[in-house]
Amino acid sequence: MNLKTVAKVSAVAGASLLFLAACGSKSSSTSAKNTANWTESAELPTMDISKSTDVVSSDMLNNTNEGLYRIGKNGSITPGIAKATKVSNGGKTYTFTLRKNAKWSNGDKVTAKDFVYGWQRTVNPKTASQYAYLYSGIQNADQIVNGKKPVSSLGIKADGDYKVVVTLDKPIAYFKKLMGFINFYPQNESAVKKYGSKYGTNSSSMVYNGPYKMTNWTGTNLSWKLKKNNDYWDKKAVKMDTINYQVVKDQSTGLNLFNSNKVDYTTLSSEQVKNYKTNKNYLVRKTAGTFYLELNRADSDAKVAKAFKNQKIREALSLAINRKQYVNTTLGDGSTVAKGYVSQDLAKNPKTGKDFTDDAYVASAVSYDQAKAKTLFKEGMKEIGESKLNIKLLSDDTDKAKKSTEFIQGAWQKLPGLTVSNQNVPFKTRLSRSQNGNFDTVLSAWNADFTDPISFLSLFTSDNSYNNGKYKSAAYDAAIKKAEGSDATKPSARWADMVAAEKQLMNDQAIIPVYQQANATLTRTNVKGIIYNTAGTNYNLKYMSVK
């Protein structure tokens, strides 16, 4: 999912850092019992389950809604609306029995038809869901997405009110993990039709079936609330009454709010980390998220498009970045140098136990060599018949994103004849521009939706909606097709397919991996019960409490 995309990037400390650090050792809590105050570093783009693509929306939807399963500790599958599951037909048929006491916040019961409707809405080409590709493997999904079959032919049926039957074209190794992901949640048809184009654009134009309900979000404001949902089937497990959210893009502001006992959670900049590593509230949250630079081969600027189609220029841009210096000085938040596109500690070789990033490592794709970068860039520019190149680097408008683009700009402009202009825009704007191909190069990111390398790798097949830079490789597509098809039930062969795909992507320098994200935070120690996962939706707040 997009971090989404630089959705969780943070900002730089202010001049008052040392004073605030001295205050940080106070033992206090901002919150009344059963209330917490939280910061987000990016605005909330949408609450439409079919259209969510980022971490902020994902966290909010995961805590206000619920699917067949909920993802628990360490990515475990825990009960949601489904109370029983039967797998048959060689792994191609799933029958889910639903609990009868689940309700929507408008009073409607949650029934099988809500899953049928929600899934059909997501794969419907008219919805233009960027996550429709995840339905591939469910009967007829690909044909529906491509407009070749009606949405009614999707392999999901309601057997009465409380039984959902899903038919797959082929076994899917990670299917149960998908069922805990927000884009497979049910949707209330009457609400979608009632609110029309406003559905999911503000907290009032939405219904909820999860632990909380959202209030006070207009669609454009930078604050909202999660309130306990008394219609939730398992409301007895929900301890919190209210979680107040506010968007704080500047980390010196966030730190000030924390030390003034006005918030319970905020992220830290690299400078702030130096002074807070020993603070009792200091907590580093690792993610299965990789930040990378995507190069637009279909750029409207013909010269830029031609340059990005040149292998030597792509390699030069990668080699010019000193990633170690970047993570240590610009970030300083526990993030690490990317070893490739797929994040570390996500998946292990089923035979040897080796990490995926070890098996798929291509050192040249993430190395730093300024002299070689300059040589390759000169050679590449000569091959395309140009002596000068101007490119625009797109990213978010947070302080940390600005510092990041400044670092990359400085590294790239050491290449002969290259001029880089930074474009820092609001998160929603950056997402939209990326999706519409309105960029030269963009600092983007992806956080795994589930604990499998395919969650990363499927993005860069030729026809994937997230392949914003229009990378095309027959060998890459073939490797992914085998992993998703003929080798889906052969763990070792499937692993080899995914390793081959990652190596192809890196040898082509199709994208430029930069770092694997971690968030250095101050999280109040009296806040308990948060379930945090590095992959998929990060925060499950169902069991959260304030002691």
Protein backbone atom coordinates (compact mmCIF):
# COMPACT_ATOMS: atom_id res chain seq x y z
CA MET A 1 0.00 0.00 0.00
CA ASN A 2 1.09 3.53 -0.60
CA LEU A 3 2.87 5.16 2.33
CA LYS A 4 1.15 4.46 0.86
CA THR A 5 3.30 6.88 0.48
CA VAL A 6 5.28 9.45 1.92
CA ALA A 7 2.27 9.40 4.21
CA LYS A 8 4.22 8.60 7.32
CA VAL A 9 7.24 10.81 6.65
CA SER A 10 8.02 13.25 9.35
CA ALA A 11 9.68 16.62 9.87
CA VAL A 12 12.77 18.31 11.31
CA ALA A 13 13.37 19.59 14.82
CA GLY A 14 13.05 23.25 15.72
CA ALA A 15 15.49 25.52 17.51
CA SER A 16 13.85 24.82 20.86
CA LEU A 17 14.78 21.14 20.75
CA LEU A 18 17.09 21.07 23.76
CA PHE A 19 14.62 22.90 25.95
CA LEU A 20 11.87 20.51 24.94
CA ALA A 21 14.14 17.53 25.52
CA ALA A 22 14.65 18.65 29.07
CA CYS A 23 10.89 18.70 29.53
CA GLY A 24 10.47 15.28 27.99
CA SER A 25 11.25 13.32 31.09
CA LYS A 26 8.08 14.36 32.87
CA SER A 27 5.83 11.50 33.84
CA SER A 28 2.40 12.52 32.69
CA SER A 29 -0.42 11.68 30.34
CA THR A 30 -2.40 13.92 28.06
CA SER A 31 -5.47 11.76 28.24
CA ALA A 32 -8.45 11.26 30.40
CA LYS A 33 -9.23 7.60 30.92
CA ASN A 34 -10.57 5.98 27.72
CA THR A 35 -9.45 8.94 25.58
CA ALA A 36 -6.23 9.35 23.59
CA ASN A 37 -4.82 12.07 21.34
CA TRP A 38 -2.87 11.02 18.26
CA THR A 39 -0.97 12.80 15.49
CA GLU A 40 -0.83 11.93 11.80
CA SER A 41 1.79 13.41 9.49
CA ALA A 42 -0.45 13.46 6.39
CA GLU A 43 -4.04 14.34 5.61
CA LEU A 44 -6.74 11.67 5.28
CA PRO A 45 -7.44 11.17 1.55
CA THR A 46 -10.56 8.96 1.61
CA MET A 47 -12.77 6.64 3.62
CA ASP A 48 -13.99 4.78 0.52
CA ILE A 49 -13.01 1.13 1.00
CA SER A 50 -12.72 0.55 -2.76
CA LYS A 51 -10.54 3.61 -3.35
CA SER A 52 -8.21 3.65 -0.34
CA THR A 53 -4.55 3.25 -1.28
CA ASP A 54 -2.58 4.84 1.57
CA VAL A 55 -1.62 4.09 5.16
CA VAL A 56 -3.67 6.86 6.78
CA SER A 57 -6.90 5.73 5.10
CA SER A 58 -6.01 2.10 5.74
CA ASP A 59 -5.53 2.63 9.47
CA MET A 60 -8.78 4.58 9.76
CA LEU A 61 -10.80 2.07 7.74
CA ASN A 62 -9.32 -0.90 9.59
CA ASN A 63 -10.45 0.51 12.92
CA THR A 64 -13.89 1.67 11.81
CA ASN A 65 -14.75 -1.35 9.68
CA GLU A 66 -14.20 -5.09 9.63
CA GLY A 67 -13.92 -7.87 7.09
CA LEU A 68 -14.10 -11.65 7.29
CA TYR A 69 -10.98 -11.61 9.46
CA ARG A 70 -8.99 -9.11 11.50
CA ILE A 71 -5.21 -9.19 11.43
CA GLY A 72 -3.88 -9.77 14.94
CA LYS A 73 -0.42 -9.86 16.52
CA ASN A 74 2.47 -10.82 14.23
CA GLY A 75 0.17 -10.87 11.22
CA SER A 76 -2.00 -13.66 12.63
CA ILE A 77 -5.49 -14.32 11.30
CA THR A 78 -8.12 -13.62 13.96
CA PRO A 79 -11.93 -13.74 13.80
CA GLY A 80 -13.86 -10.90 12.22
CA ILE A 81 -17.33 -11.09 10.67
CA ALA A 82 -16.63 -14.73 9.75
CA LYS A 83 -16.95 -17.14 12.67
CA ALA A 84 -16.07 -20.27 10.64
CA THR A 85 -14.24 -21.10 7.39
CA LYS A 86 -14.33 -24.23 5.25
CA VAL A 87 -11.85 -24.82 2.39
CA SER A 88 -12.68 -27.36 -0.32
CA ASN A 89 -12.23 -28.19 -4.01
CA GLY A 90 -8.44 -28.42 -3.77
CA GLY A 91 -8.13 -24.98 -2.21
CA LYS A 92 -10.34 -23.28 -4.81
CA THR A 93 -13.55 -22.90 -2.78
CA TYR A 94 -13.90 -21.03 0.51
CA THR A 95 -17.13 -21.03 2.48
CA PHE A 96 -17.35 -18.42 5.24
CA THR A 97 -20.08 -18.60 7.87
CA LEU A 98 -20.88 -15.13 9.22
CA ARG A 99 -21.84 -14.19 12.75
CA LYS A 100 -25.44 -13.00 13.06
CA ASN A 101 -24.89 -10.18 15.55
CA ALA A 102 -22.80 -7.89 13.31
CA LYS A 103 -24.44 -4.56 12.45
CA TRP A 104 -23.75 -1.41 10.46
CA SER A 105 -23.87 1.93 12.23
CA ASN A 106 -27.09 2.74 10.31
CA GLY A 107 -28.78 -0.21 12.01
CA ASP A 108 -28.62 -2.66 9.08
CA LYS A 109 -27.38 -6.16 9.70
CA VAL A 110 -24.06 -7.15 8.09
CA THR A 111 -24.95 -9.94 5.69
CA ALA A 112 -23.37 -11.98 2.92
CA LYS A 113 -24.76 -9.64 0.30
CA ASP A 114 -22.62 -6.82 1.76
CA PHE A 115 -19.50 -8.79 0.89
CA VAL A 116 -20.82 -9.61 -2.57
CA TYR A 117 -21.67 -5.96 -3.21
CA GLY A 118 -18.40 -4.61 -1.79
CA TRP A 119 -16.24 -6.97 -3.81
CA GLN A 120 -18.22 -6.36 -6.99
CA ARG A 121 -17.95 -2.61 -6.50
CA THR A 122 -14.17 -2.81 -6.09
CA VAL A 123 -13.56 -4.87 -9.26
CA ASN A 124 -16.06 -2.84 -11.31
CA PRO A 125 -14.01 -0.85 -13.87
CA LYS A 126 -16.33 2.12 -13.26
CA THR A 127 -15.06 2.35 -9.68
CA ALA A 128 -11.46 2.56 -10.92
CA SER A 129 -10.09 0.93 -7.77
CA GLN A 130 -6.32 0.69 -7.85
CA TYR A 131 -6.55 -2.38 -5.64
CA ALA A 132 -8.74 -4.34 -8.04
CA TYR A 133 -5.62 -6.22 -9.15
CA LEU A 134 -5.52 -7.99 -5.76
CA TYR A 135 -8.68 -9.85 -6.77
CA SER A 136 -6.77 -11.66 -9.52
CA GLY A 137 -7.25 -15.40 -9.03
CA ILE A 138 -10.81 -15.02 -7.81
CA GLN A 139 -13.06 -16.46 -10.50
CA ASN A 140 -13.52 -14.06 -13.45
CA ALA A 141 -11.89 -11.12 -11.63
CA ASP A 142 -9.34 -10.38 -14.35
CA GLN A 143 -11.96 -10.43 -17.10
CA ILE A 144 -14.24 -8.15 -15.09
CA VAL A 145 -11.46 -5.64 -14.42
CA ASN A 146 -10.67 -5.63 -18.15
CA GLY A 147 -14.32 -5.05 -19.02
CA LYS A 148 -14.82 -8.45 -20.64
CA LYS A 149 -17.32 -9.93 -18.18
CA PRO A 150 -20.08 -8.47 -15.97
CA VAL A 151 -19.39 -7.81 -12.28
CA SER A 152 -22.12 -10.30 -11.41
CA SER A 153 -19.86 -13.12 -12.65
CA LEU A 154 -17.27 -12.54 -9.90
CA GLY A 155 -16.59 -15.71 -7.90
CA ILE A 156 -18.44 -14.65 -4.75
CA LYS A 157 -21.99 -15.64 -3.88
CA ALA A 158 -24.33 -15.21 -0.94
CA ASP A 159 -25.79 -18.50 0.27
CA GLY A 160 -28.56 -17.02 2.39
CA ASP A 161 -27.85 -14.09 4.70
CA TYR A 162 -24.96 -15.56 6.63
CA LYS A 163 -22.87 -17.66 4.29
CA VAL A 164 -20.36 -16.36 1.71
CA VAL A 165 -18.99 -18.76 -0.93
CA VAL A 166 -15.86 -17.71 -2.83
CA THR A 167 -14.65 -19.58 -5.91
CA LEU A 168 -11.08 -19.17 -7.13
CA ASP A 169 -9.68 -19.80 -10.61
CA LYS A 170 -6.62 -21.26 -8.93
CA PRO A 171 -5.36 -21.74 -5.39
CA ILE A 172 -3.95 -18.53 -3.88
CA ALA A 173 -1.21 -19.14 -1.33
CA TYR A 174 -1.95 -15.95 0.61
CA PHE A 175 -5.74 -15.86 0.25
CA LYS A 176 -6.57 -15.88 3.98
CA LYS A 177 -4.16 -12.99 4.54
CA LEU A 178 -6.04 -10.99 1.90
CA MET A 179 -9.30 -11.51 3.74
CA GLY A 180 -8.04 -9.34 6.59
CA PHE A 181 -7.12 -6.50 4.23
CA ILE A 182 -9.44 -3.49 3.98
CA ASN A 183 -10.14 -3.68 0.23
CA PHE A 184 -11.95 -6.99 0.84
CA TYR A 185 -14.23 -5.57 3.52
CA PRO A 186 -18.01 -5.55 3.01
CA GLN A 187 -19.85 -2.42 1.89
CA ASN A 188 -23.42 -1.38 2.63
CA GLU A 189 -25.14 -0.92 -0.71
CA SER A 190 -27.88 1.34 0.62
CA ALA A 191 -25.26 3.71 2.09
CA VAL A 192 -23.20 3.80 -1.10
CA LYS A 193 -26.30 4.65 -3.14
CA LYS A 194 -27.60 7.12 -0.57
CA TYR A 195 -24.40 9.17 -0.45
CA GLY A 196 -23.49 8.77 -4.12
CA SER A 197 -20.39 10.75 -5.10
CA LYS A 198 -19.98 11.88 -1.48
CA TYR A 199 -19.59 8.31 -0.18
CA GLY A 200 -16.39 8.06 1.85
CA THR A 201 -15.46 11.71 1.32
CA ASN A 202 -16.38 12.77 4.86
CA SER A 203 -17.19 10.98 8.12
CA SER A 204 -20.95 11.56 7.81
CA SER A 205 -21.17 10.05 4.31
CA MET A 206 -20.10 6.62 5.48
CA VAL A 207 -21.31 3.73 7.63
CA TYR A 208 -19.21 1.59 9.95
CA ASN A 209 -19.24 -2.00 11.20
CA GLY A 210 -15.95 -2.03 13.14
CA PRO A 211 -14.78 -1.18 16.67
CA TYR A 212 -15.06 2.58 16.10
CA LYS A 213 -17.05 5.17 14.16
CA MET A 214 -15.43 8.24 12.64
CA THR A 215 -16.79 11.74 13.35
CA ASN A 216 -15.80 15.34 12.71
CA TRP A 217 -14.04 14.78 9.37
CA THR A 218 -15.27 17.12 6.63
CA GLY A 219 -13.06 15.68 3.92
CA THR A 220 -10.66 18.61 3.92
CA ASN A 221 -9.99 19.40 7.59
CA LEU A 222 -6.91 18.14 9.39
CA SER A 223 -8.57 16.58 12.43
CA TRP A 224 -11.14 13.88 13.18
CA LYS A 225 -12.25 11.49 15.92
CA LEU A 226 -12.73 7.76 16.32
CA LYS A 227 -15.60 7.04 18.72
CA LYS A 228 -16.47 3.66 20.18
CA ASN A 229 -19.06 1.94 17.99
CA ASN A 230 -21.77 0.60 20.29
CA ASP A 231 -23.25 -1.35 17.36
CA TYR A 232 -20.05 -3.40 16.99
CA TRP A 233 -20.56 -7.13 17.61
CA ASP A 234 -17.59 -7.31 20.00
CA LYS A 235 -18.01 -3.92 21.68
CA LYS A 236 -17.17 -5.43 25.08
CA ALA A 237 -13.56 -5.81 23.91
CA VAL A 238 -13.29 -2.10 23.00
CA LYS A 239 -12.00 -0.04 25.93
CA MET A 240 -11.49 3.35 24.29
CA ASP A 241 -14.30 5.90 24.08
CA THR A 242 -12.50 8.42 21.85
CA ILE A 243 -9.27 8.69 19.87
CA ASN A 244 -8.66 12.25 18.67
CA TYR A 245 -6.53 12.68 15.55
CA GLN A 246 -4.82 15.79 14.26
CA VAL A 247 -2.48 16.18 11.29
CA VAL A 248 0.87 17.65 12.35
CA LYS A 249 3.30 17.89 9.46
CA ASP A 250 6.00 19.73 11.40
CA GLN A 251 7.75 17.52 13.95
CA SER A 252 8.90 20.35 16.18
CA THR A 253 5.22 21.20 16.58
CA GLY A 254 4.42 17.55 17.30
CA LEU A 255 7.15 17.34 19.91
CA ASN A 256 5.94 20.52 21.57
CA LEU A 257 2.41 19.11 21.72
CA PHE A 258 3.70 15.89 23.28
CA ASN A 259 5.75 17.66 25.89
CA SER A 260 2.84 19.99 26.63
CA ASN A 261 0.76 16.87 27.36
CA LYS A 262 -1.61 17.58 24.49
CA VAL A 263 -0.92 14.41 22.46
CA ASP A 264 -0.01 10.82 23.32
CA TYR A 265 1.83 9.99 20.11
CA THR A 266 4.06 11.84 17.67
CA THR A 267 6.91 11.02 15.30
CA LEU A 268 10.44 12.33 15.74
CA SER A 269 13.00 13.83 13.39
CA SER A 270 16.61 12.69 13.25
CA GLU A 271 17.74 15.61 15.41
CA GLN A 272 15.01 14.93 17.96
CA VAL A 273 15.94 11.24 18.12
CA LYS A 274 19.42 12.13 19.39
CA ASN A 275 17.88 13.73 22.47
CA TYR A 276 15.06 11.26 23.08
CA LYS A 277 16.62 7.81 22.67
CA THR A 278 16.66 7.33 26.44
CA ASN A 279 13.19 8.77 27.02
CA LYS A 280 10.80 6.18 28.47
CA ASN A 281 8.24 7.04 25.76
CA TYR A 282 10.69 6.47 22.87
CA LEU A 283 9.56 3.69 20.55
CA VAL A 284 10.75 2.73 17.05
CA ARG A 285 8.15 1.17 14.76
CA LYS A 286 9.65 -0.77 11.84
CA THR A 287 7.63 -1.17 8.66
CA ALA A 288 7.62 -3.54 5.71
CA GLY A 289 7.86 -0.40 3.61
CA THR A 290 10.40 0.56 0.96
CA PHE A 291 10.89 4.10 -0.29
CA TYR A 292 12.00 4.24 -3.90
CA LEU A 293 12.32 6.59 -6.84
CA GLU A 294 10.08 5.84 -9.80
CA LEU A 295 11.12 7.07 -13.25
CA ASN A 296 8.43 7.95 -15.79
CA ARG A 297 9.20 6.28 -19.11
CA ALA A 298 5.97 7.69 -20.55
CA ASP A 299 6.81 11.26 -19.53
CA SER A 300 5.13 14.05 -21.49
CA ASP A 301 8.61 15.58 -21.81
CA ALA A 302 10.08 13.52 -24.65
CA LYS A 303 13.68 14.21 -23.61
CA VAL A 304 13.02 13.00 -20.05
CA ALA A 305 11.19 9.89 -21.28
CA LYS A 306 14.09 9.10 -23.62
CA ALA A 307 16.59 9.54 -20.79
CA PHE A 308 14.70 7.24 -18.42
CA LYS A 309 14.54 4.52 -21.08
CA ASN A 310 18.34 4.47 -21.08
CA GLN A 311 19.80 1.81 -18.75
CA LYS A 312 23.04 3.69 -18.08
CA ILE A 313 21.22 6.86 -17.02
CA ARG A 314 18.97 4.89 -14.67
CA GLU A 315 21.97 3.15 -13.14
CA ALA A 316 23.83 6.45 -12.79
CA LEU A 317 20.93 8.02 -10.89
CA SER A 318 20.95 5.10 -8.48
CA LEU A 319 24.73 5.00 -7.98
CA ALA A 320 24.80 8.76 -7.26
CA ILE A 321 22.84 8.38 -4.01
CA ASN A 322 24.79 7.76 -0.81
CA ARG A 323 22.04 5.85 0.97
CA LYS A 324 24.03 5.25 4.14
CA GLN A 325 24.63 8.97 4.59
CA TYR A 326 20.98 9.63 3.76
CA VAL A 327 19.51 7.30 6.41
CA ASN A 328 22.01 8.41 9.05
CA THR A 329 21.83 12.17 8.54
CA THR A 330 18.60 13.11 6.76
CA LEU A 331 16.44 10.42 8.40
CA GLY A 332 18.14 9.25 11.59
CA ASP A 333 14.92 7.54 12.69
CA GLY A 334 15.90 3.88 12.64
CA SER A 335 15.29 3.50 8.91
CA THR A 336 17.83 1.36 7.06
CA VAL A 337 19.41 1.29 3.60
CA ALA A 338 17.22 -0.64 1.18
CA LYS A 339 18.70 -3.97 0.16
CA GLY A 340 16.31 -4.11 -2.79
CA TYR A 341 12.68 -3.37 -3.57
CA VAL A 342 11.13 -6.04 -1.31
CA SER A 343 11.66 -5.14 2.34
CA GLN A 344 13.80 -7.14 4.74
CA ASP A 345 12.28 -9.45 7.38
CA LEU A 346 9.10 -9.93 5.36
CA ALA A 347 9.48 -13.54 4.19
CA LYS A 348 11.85 -16.49 4.53
CA ASN A 349 12.92 -19.12 1.99
CA PRO A 350 10.66 -22.15 2.67
CA LYS A 351 13.65 -24.51 2.37
CA THR A 352 16.65 -22.64 3.76
CA GLY A 353 15.08 -20.00 6.00
CA LYS A 354 17.13 -17.26 4.32
CA ASP A 355 15.56 -13.83 4.06
CA PHE A 356 14.11 -12.97 0.65
CA THR A 357 16.39 -9.95 0.36
CA ASP A 358 19.46 -12.20 0.72
CA ASP A 359 18.32 -14.57 -2.02
CA ALA A 360 17.36 -11.75 -4.39
CA TYR A 361 20.17 -9.28 -3.63
CA VAL A 362 21.60 -7.29 -6.57
CA ALA A 363 24.33 -5.16 -5.01
CA SER A 364 24.79 -2.84 -7.99
CA ALA A 365 21.17 -1.66 -7.76
CA VAL A 366 21.60 -0.16 -4.28
CA SER A 367 25.32 0.74 -4.22
CA TYR A 368 26.99 4.15 -4.03
CA ASP A 369 29.77 4.96 -6.51
CA GLN A 370 29.90 8.59 -7.56
CA ALA A 371 32.74 8.17 -10.05
CA LYS A 372 30.98 5.31 -11.85
CA ALA A 373 27.71 7.28 -11.75
CA LYS A 374 29.32 10.21 -13.57
CA THR A 375 30.88 7.92 -16.18
CA LEU A 376 27.63 6.06 -16.86
CA PHE A 377 25.65 9.29 -17.00
CA LYS A 378 28.02 10.77 -19.59
CA GLU A 379 27.82 7.60 -21.67
CA GLY A 380 24.03 7.45 -21.39
CA MET A 381 23.58 11.09 -22.37
CA LYS A 382 25.83 10.54 -25.39
CA GLU A 383 23.73 7.53 -26.41
CA ILE A 384 20.51 9.59 -26.38
CA GLY A 385 22.21 12.51 -28.13
CA GLU A 386 21.85 15.05 -25.33
CA SER A 387 24.30 17.11 -23.29
CA LYS A 388 21.90 18.57 -20.72
CA LEU A 389 18.85 17.24 -18.92
CA ASN A 390 16.31 18.96 -16.67
CA ILE A 391 14.10 16.77 -14.50
CA LYS A 392 11.53 17.44 -11.78
CA LEU A 393 11.52 15.45 -8.55
CA LEU A 394 8.06 15.08 -6.97
CA SER A 395 7.37 14.35 -3.30
CA ASP A 396 5.24 15.39 -0.33
CA ASP A 397 5.23 18.78 1.38
CA THR A 398 6.27 17.66 4.86
CA ASP A 399 9.55 18.97 6.22
CA LYS A 400 11.09 15.51 6.09
CA ALA A 401 10.05 14.98 2.49
CA LYS A 402 11.54 18.36 1.60
CA LYS A 403 14.81 17.41 3.29
CA SER A 404 14.74 14.11 1.39
CA THR A 405 14.26 15.69 -2.00
CA GLU A 406 16.97 18.25 -1.21
CA PHE A 407 19.40 15.42 -0.44
CA ILE A 408 18.58 13.57 -3.67
CA GLN A 409 18.66 16.80 -5.67
CA GLY A 410 22.15 17.54 -4.33
CA ALA A 411 23.38 14.03 -5.18
CA TRP A 412 21.94 14.06 -8.69
CA GLN A 413 23.15 17.52 -9.60
CA LYS A 414 26.73 16.29 -9.24
CA LEU A 415 26.11 14.39 -12.47
CA PRO A 416 27.35 16.36 -15.51
CA GLY A 417 24.62 18.31 -17.29
CA LEU A 418 21.79 17.34 -14.91
CA THR A 419 19.51 19.94 -13.31
CA VAL A 420 16.88 18.87 -10.79
CA SER A 421 13.85 20.90 -9.67
CA ASN A 422 11.99 19.77 -6.55
CA GLN A 423 8.19 19.75 -6.42
CA ASN A 424 6.83 19.28 -2.89
CA VAL A 425 3.04 19.05 -2.81
CA PRO A 426 0.32 17.81 -0.41
CA PHE A 427 0.10 14.06 -0.03
CA LYS A 428 -3.23 13.76 -1.85
CA THR A 429 -1.87 15.81 -4.75
CA ARG A 430 1.26 13.69 -4.98
CA LEU A 431 -0.81 10.50 -5.03
CA SER A 432 -3.06 11.89 -7.77
CA ARG A 433 -0.16 13.12 -9.89
CA SER A 434 1.65 9.80 -9.54
CA GLN A 435 -1.44 7.84 -10.55
CA ASN A 436 -2.05 10.11 -13.54
CA GLY A 437 1.55 9.94 -14.75
CA ASN A 438 2.01 13.65 -14.13
CA PHE A 439 5.64 13.47 -12.96
CA ASP A 440 9.21 13.01 -14.16
CA THR A 441 10.44 11.14 -11.11
CA VAL A 442 8.72 10.70 -7.78
CA LEU A 443 9.89 9.66 -4.32
CA SER A 444 7.24 7.10 -3.53
CA ALA A 445 6.92 4.10 -1.25
CA TRP A 446 5.15 0.82 -0.80
CA ASN A 447 4.22 -1.00 2.36
CA ALA A 448 3.40 -4.69 1.99
CA ASP A 449 -0.31 -5.46 2.25
CA PHE A 450 0.46 -8.93 3.62
CA THR A 451 3.54 -10.95 4.54
CA ASP A 452 4.51 -12.20 1.10
CA PRO A 453 6.97 -10.76 -1.49
CA ILE A 454 4.25 -10.82 -4.14
CA SER A 455 2.61 -7.89 -2.33
CA PHE A 456 5.56 -5.82 -3.56
CA LEU A 457 6.37 -7.55 -6.82
CA SER A 458 2.94 -7.59 -8.43
CA LEU A 459 3.04 -3.79 -8.69
CA PHE A 460 5.47 -3.69 -11.59
CA THR A 461 3.84 -6.07 -14.02
CA SER A 462 3.13 -4.31 -17.31
CA ASP A 463 -0.60 -3.89 -16.72
CA ASN A 464 -0.66 -3.07 -12.99
CA SER A 465 -2.41 0.19 -12.10
CA TYR A 466 0.40 1.10 -9.68
CA ASN A 467 3.08 0.81 -12.37
CA ASN A 468 3.06 4.59 -12.75
CA GLY A 469 6.43 4.74 -14.52
CA LYS A 470 5.31 2.23 -17.19
CA TYR A 471 8.10 -0.31 -16.74
CA LYS A 472 7.71 -3.27 -19.10
CA SER A 473 9.59 -6.56 -19.04
CA ALA A 474 8.38 -9.81 -20.57
CA ALA A 475 10.72 -11.79 -18.31
CA TYR A 476 9.42 -10.01 -15.22
CA ASP A 477 5.80 -10.54 -16.21
CA ALA A 478 6.46 -14.23 -16.91
CA ALA A 479 8.07 -14.80 -13.50
CA ILE A 480 5.14 -13.19 -11.68
CA LYS A 481 2.65 -15.13 -13.80
CA LYS A 482 4.29 -18.41 -12.79
CA ALA A 483 4.38 -17.43 -9.11
CA GLU A 484 0.67 -16.58 -9.23
CA GLY A 485 -0.28 -19.48 -11.51
CA SER A 486 1.42 -22.79 -12.23
CA ASP A 487 3.71 -22.58 -9.19
CA ALA A 488 1.15 -21.19 -6.71
CA THR A 489 0.98 -24.45 -4.75
CA LYS A 490 4.72 -25.25 -5.05
CA PRO A 491 6.41 -23.18 -2.32
CA SER A 492 10.03 -23.61 -3.50
CA ALA A 493 9.27 -23.05 -7.17
CA ARG A 494 7.11 -20.05 -6.33
CA TRP A 495 9.94 -18.63 -4.22
CA ALA A 496 12.37 -19.03 -7.12
CA ASP A 497 9.94 -17.21 -9.41
CA MET A 498 9.71 -14.26 -7.05
CA VAL A 499 13.49 -14.12 -6.59
CA ALA A 500 13.90 -14.10 -10.38
CA ALA A 501 11.39 -11.25 -10.66
CA GLU A 502 13.15 -9.13 -8.04
CA LYS A 503 16.53 -9.71 -9.70
CA GLN A 504 15.09 -8.74 -13.08
CA LEU A 505 13.63 -5.54 -11.63
CA MET A 506 16.93 -4.64 -9.98
CA ASN A 507 19.18 -5.60 -12.90
CA ASP A 508 17.00 -3.40 -15.10
CA GLN A 509 17.21 -0.64 -12.47
CA ALA A 510 13.50 -0.26 -13.19
CA ILE A 511 13.15 1.70 -9.96
CA ILE A 512 15.70 3.07 -7.49
CA PRO A 513 15.24 1.66 -3.96
CA VAL A 514 16.45 4.11 -1.32
CA TYR A 515 15.53 2.99 2.20
CA GLN A 516 13.36 0.76 4.33
CA GLN A 517 11.25 2.83 6.65
CA ALA A 518 11.06 2.91 10.41
CA ASN A 519 9.30 5.54 12.47
CA ALA A 520 10.91 6.89 15.61
CA THR A 521 8.07 7.91 17.89
CA LEU A 522 7.16 9.12 21.30
CA THR A 523 4.27 6.95 22.42
CA ARG A 524 2.89 7.49 25.91
CA THR A 525 3.75 4.45 28.07
CA ASN A 526 0.31 4.35 29.67
CA VAL A 527 -1.26 3.59 26.27
CA LYS A 528 -1.59 -0.19 26.10
CA GLY A 529 -3.03 -2.91 23.89
CA ILE A 530 -2.06 -1.55 20.46
CA ILE A 531 -1.51 -4.27 17.87
CA TYR A 532 1.11 -3.11 15.37
CA ASN A 533 2.06 -5.02 12.21
CA THR A 534 4.80 -4.06 9.76
CA ALA A 535 2.82 -5.36 6.75
CA GLY A 536 -0.72 -4.53 5.71
CA THR A 537 -2.64 -2.13 7.88
CA ASN A 538 -0.23 -1.05 10.60
CA TYR A 539 -2.53 -0.27 13.52
CA ASN A 540 -5.27 -2.43 15.01
CA LEU A 541 -6.65 -0.34 17.89
CA LYS A 542 -9.49 -2.65 18.91
CA TYR A 543 -7.84 -3.59 22.21
CA MET A 544 -6.20 -0.22 22.92
CA SER A 545 -6.58 1.25 26.39
CA VAL A 546 -5.22 4.06 28.56
CA LYS A 547 -4.06 2.94 32.00
